[in-house]
Amino acid sequence: QGPISGVNKDIAVLQCHGDCDPLVPLMFGSLTVEKLKSMINPANVTFRTYSGMMHSSCIEEMMDVKQFIDKHLPPID
């Protein structure tokens, strides 16, 4: 499929991946991010990899997710 139109073409995306993931190899994460960049504004796509992380999460990843949420979502009163 081609690029997404309308408001969704400017959506911000954070994709995170461990470089030691035995279930979803890093290569597939890299291919996915390139596909996303072809569909939406590539400047809005962030791909982060985490050294030594398997098919799980880590503190560094959670801090990146928090920073992404804080940047892109309005605060809740």
Protein backbone atom coordinates (compact mmCIF):
# COMPACT_ATOMS: atom_id res chain seq x y z
CA GLN A 1 0.00 0.00 0.00
CA GLY A 2 1.04 3.58 -0.57
CA PRO A 3 1.35 6.58 1.70
CA ILE A 4 -1.35 7.33 4.25
CA SER A 5 -3.34 10.50 3.63
CA GLY A 6 -5.18 12.87 5.92
CA VAL A 7 -4.34 13.63 9.51
CA ASN A 8 -2.72 10.23 10.09
CA LYS A 9 0.15 10.98 7.70
CA ASP A 10 1.65 13.22 10.40
CA ILE A 11 1.24 10.83 13.33
CA ALA A 12 4.31 10.35 15.52
CA VAL A 13 5.56 6.77 15.89
CA LEU A 14 8.11 5.34 18.31
CA GLN A 15 9.31 1.85 17.50
CA CYS A 16 11.59 0.09 19.98
CA HIS A 17 13.55 -3.13 19.49
CA GLY A 18 16.14 -5.17 21.35
CA ASP A 19 19.19 -6.12 19.33
CA CYS A 20 19.22 -9.63 20.86
CA ASP A 21 15.53 -10.47 20.36
CA PRO A 22 15.35 -14.20 19.48
CA LEU A 23 11.64 -14.11 18.53
CA VAL A 24 11.55 -11.02 16.29
CA PRO A 25 15.00 -10.47 14.78
CA LEU A 26 16.25 -6.89 14.60
CA MET A 27 16.22 -7.14 10.79
CA PHE A 28 12.40 -7.33 10.87
CA GLY A 29 12.24 -4.25 13.10
CA SER A 30 14.46 -2.41 10.63
CA LEU A 31 12.28 -3.47 7.69
CA THR A 32 9.15 -2.38 9.55
CA VAL A 33 10.51 1.08 10.31
CA GLU A 34 11.47 1.58 6.67
CA LYS A 35 7.94 0.58 5.60
CA LEU A 36 6.47 3.03 8.13
CA LYS A 37 8.70 5.81 6.78
CA SER A 38 7.34 5.15 3.28
CA MET A 39 3.76 5.45 4.52
CA ILE A 40 3.89 8.47 6.85
CA ASN A 41 6.12 11.50 7.31
CA PRO A 42 9.53 9.87 7.88
CA ALA A 43 10.60 12.74 10.14
CA ASN A 44 7.93 11.57 12.61
CA VAL A 45 9.21 7.99 12.87
CA THR A 46 11.70 7.19 15.63
CA PHE A 47 13.41 3.81 15.81
CA ARG A 48 15.33 2.96 18.97
CA THR A 49 17.37 -0.16 19.56
CA TYR A 50 18.60 -1.42 22.91
CA SER A 51 21.87 -3.26 23.30
CA GLY A 52 21.55 -6.70 24.86
CA MET A 53 17.75 -6.54 25.13
CA MET A 54 15.91 -9.68 24.16
CA HIS A 55 12.12 -10.03 23.59
CA SER A 56 11.38 -7.91 26.65
CA SER A 57 11.82 -4.35 27.86
CA CYS A 58 14.37 -2.40 29.85
CA ILE A 59 14.52 0.77 31.92
CA GLU A 60 16.09 2.74 29.06
CA GLU A 61 13.23 1.75 26.74
CA MET A 62 10.61 2.71 29.32
CA MET A 63 12.26 6.10 29.79
CA ASP A 64 12.18 6.62 26.00
CA VAL A 65 8.48 5.69 25.95
CA LYS A 66 7.78 8.14 28.79
CA GLN A 67 9.65 10.92 26.99
CA PHE A 68 7.73 10.17 23.76
CA ILE A 69 4.37 10.27 25.59
CA ASP A 70 5.29 13.47 27.42
CA LYS A 71 6.25 15.09 24.10
CA HIS A 72 3.26 14.00 22.01
CA LEU A 73 0.28 13.73 24.35
CA PRO A 74 -1.32 16.61 26.23
CA PRO A 75 -0.98 16.53 30.02
CA ILE A 76 -3.89 15.28 32.11
CA ASP A 77 -5.15 17.62 34.81
